[in-house]
Amino acid sequence: MAKHDVNFNERLQAAAKARQATLKNAKANAPENAPDYAERQAARMAASIAREKRREESLVQKLAKAEQKTKEIAAAVLAKERAIESEKAEREEALKQEAIQAAALKVQQKAARDAKYAARKARRS
């Protein structure tokens, strides 16, 4: 074998050492080992909580607006229904008045006709 030939076991050992070195380097550079890691995590947590709170407040406001809009729509619909009912009642009253006037006119016309016939009959007799 040549001086630079490496057998299979040596290659496995070299790979294992390289993995160990990479793992050691990664652990050394891990964010948890940074001196201000706890402060940054606390700041992130506080920001997350504040964001959730704002989101909830926004949702509550949206729900309140939706409820208010629903109430306004319901009030508008109720007012429109009342206006329609009022208009319907007015039309019915107008129709009743027209019917009464028509009946009164017919009675007057009949009375005038009867008087005319009675006058004619009185003249003939």
Protein backbone atom coordinates (compact mmCIF):
# COMPACT_ATOMS: atom_id res chain seq x y z
CA MET A 1 0.00 0.00 0.00
CA ALA A 2 1.00 3.50 -0.63
CA LYS A 3 1.77 5.92 2.11
CA HIS A 4 -1.39 7.98 1.47
CA ASP A 5 -3.78 5.07 1.13
CA VAL A 6 -6.33 4.96 3.89
CA ASN A 7 -8.35 1.91 4.68
CA PHE A 8 -12.12 1.83 5.26
CA ASN A 9 -11.96 1.96 9.08
CA GLU A 10 -9.71 4.98 9.04
CA ARG A 11 -12.15 6.77 6.73
CA LEU A 12 -15.04 5.90 9.07
CA GLN A 13 -13.10 7.22 12.06
CA ALA A 14 -12.20 10.42 10.21
CA ALA A 15 -15.86 10.95 9.27
CA ALA A 16 -16.95 10.35 12.87
CA LYS A 17 -14.35 12.84 14.13
CA ALA A 18 -15.55 15.38 11.56
CA ARG A 19 -19.17 14.88 12.69
CA GLN A 20 -18.13 15.27 16.33
CA ALA A 21 -16.21 18.46 15.50
CA THR A 22 -19.16 19.86 13.57
CA LEU A 23 -21.52 19.02 16.46
CA LYS A 24 -19.15 20.59 18.99
CA ASN A 25 -18.84 23.71 16.82
CA ALA A 26 -22.63 23.91 16.40
CA LYS A 27 -23.18 23.58 20.16
CA ALA A 28 -20.61 26.27 20.82
CA ASN A 29 -22.31 28.63 18.36
CA ALA A 30 -25.84 27.81 19.50
CA PRO A 31 -28.04 30.85 20.25
CA GLU A 32 -28.76 29.50 23.73
CA ASN A 33 -25.12 30.12 24.65
CA ALA A 34 -25.28 33.82 23.73
CA PRO A 35 -25.15 36.12 26.77
CA ASP A 36 -28.30 38.07 25.83
CA TYR A 37 -30.30 35.02 24.72
CA ALA A 38 -32.73 35.11 27.66
CA GLU A 39 -33.37 38.82 27.16
CA ARG A 40 -34.06 38.35 23.45
CA GLN A 41 -36.38 35.42 24.15
CA ALA A 42 -38.25 37.47 26.76
CA ALA A 43 -38.56 40.37 24.30
CA ARG A 44 -39.84 38.00 21.61
CA MET A 45 -42.35 36.49 24.03
CA ALA A 46 -43.53 39.95 25.11
CA ALA A 47 -43.90 41.02 21.48
CA SER A 48 -45.82 37.84 20.70
CA ILE A 49 -48.17 38.40 23.65
CA ALA A 50 -48.69 42.03 22.65
CA ARG A 51 -49.40 40.98 19.06
CA GLU A 52 -51.97 38.40 20.24
CA LYS A 53 -53.59 41.01 22.48
CA ARG A 54 -53.82 43.50 19.58
CA ARG A 55 -55.26 40.77 17.36
CA GLU A 56 -57.90 39.93 19.98
CA GLU A 57 -58.77 43.61 20.47
CA SER A 58 -59.08 44.02 16.72
CA LEU A 59 -61.35 41.00 16.54
CA VAL A 60 -63.50 42.35 19.38
CA GLN A 61 -63.76 45.70 17.57
CA LYS A 62 -64.71 43.98 14.31
CA LEU A 63 -67.36 41.96 16.10
CA ALA A 64 -68.71 45.08 17.79
CA LYS A 65 -68.86 46.90 14.44
CA ALA A 66 -70.59 43.94 12.84
CA GLU A 67 -73.10 43.80 15.69
CA GLN A 68 -73.74 47.55 15.42
CA LYS A 69 -74.19 47.26 11.67
CA THR A 70 -76.59 44.37 12.16
CA LYS A 71 -78.60 46.44 14.63
CA GLU A 72 -78.67 49.37 12.21
CA ILE A 73 -79.83 47.14 9.37
CA ALA A 74 -82.49 45.58 11.59
CA ALA A 75 -83.70 49.04 12.63
CA ALA A 76 -83.80 50.16 8.99
CA VAL A 77 -85.73 47.06 7.98
CA LEU A 78 -88.17 47.59 10.85
CA ALA A 79 -88.65 51.23 9.91
CA LYS A 80 -89.23 50.26 6.29
CA GLU A 81 -91.76 47.61 7.32
CA ARG A 82 -93.56 50.14 9.50
CA ALA A 83 -93.61 52.65 6.65
CA ILE A 84 -95.02 49.99 4.32
CA GLU A 85 -97.66 49.03 6.87
CA SER A 86 -98.56 52.70 7.40
CA GLU A 87 -98.79 53.29 3.65
CA LYS A 88 -100.93 50.17 3.29
CA ALA A 89 -103.26 51.34 6.06
CA GLU A 90 -103.53 54.77 4.41
CA ARG A 91 -104.37 53.16 1.05
CA GLU A 92 -106.98 50.95 2.70
CA GLU A 93 -108.49 53.98 4.45
CA ALA A 94 -108.52 55.91 1.18
CA LEU A 95 -110.23 52.99 -0.56
CA LYS A 96 -112.82 52.83 2.23
CA GLN A 97 -113.45 56.57 1.92
CA GLU A 98 -113.81 56.25 -1.86
CA ALA A 99 -116.24 53.35 -1.40
CA ILE A 100 -118.26 55.38 1.14
CA GLN A 101 -118.30 58.40 -1.19
CA ALA A 102 -119.34 56.21 -4.13
CA ALA A 103 -122.13 54.67 -2.05
CA ALA A 104 -123.26 58.12 -0.89
CA LEU A 105 -123.24 59.36 -4.48
CA LYS A 106 -125.34 56.40 -5.58
CA VAL A 107 -127.81 57.08 -2.75
CA GLN A 108 -128.02 60.76 -3.75
CA GLN A 109 -128.48 59.86 -7.41
CA LYS A 110 -131.21 57.33 -6.51
CA ALA A 111 -132.93 59.90 -4.29
CA ALA A 112 -132.79 62.49 -7.09
CA ARG A 113 -134.13 59.95 -9.59
CA ASP A 114 -136.92 58.89 -7.19
CA ALA A 115 -137.84 62.53 -6.58
CA LYS A 116 -137.94 63.13 -10.34
CA TYR A 117 -140.18 60.07 -10.83
CA ALA A 118 -142.40 61.14 -7.92
CA ALA A 119 -142.70 64.66 -9.37
CA ARG A 120 -143.64 63.24 -12.77
CA LYS A 121 -146.18 60.91 -11.21
CA ALA A 122 -147.64 63.79 -9.18
CA ARG A 123 -148.02 65.88 -12.33
CA ARG A 124 -149.82 63.08 -14.17
CA SER A 125 -152.31 62.39 -11.45
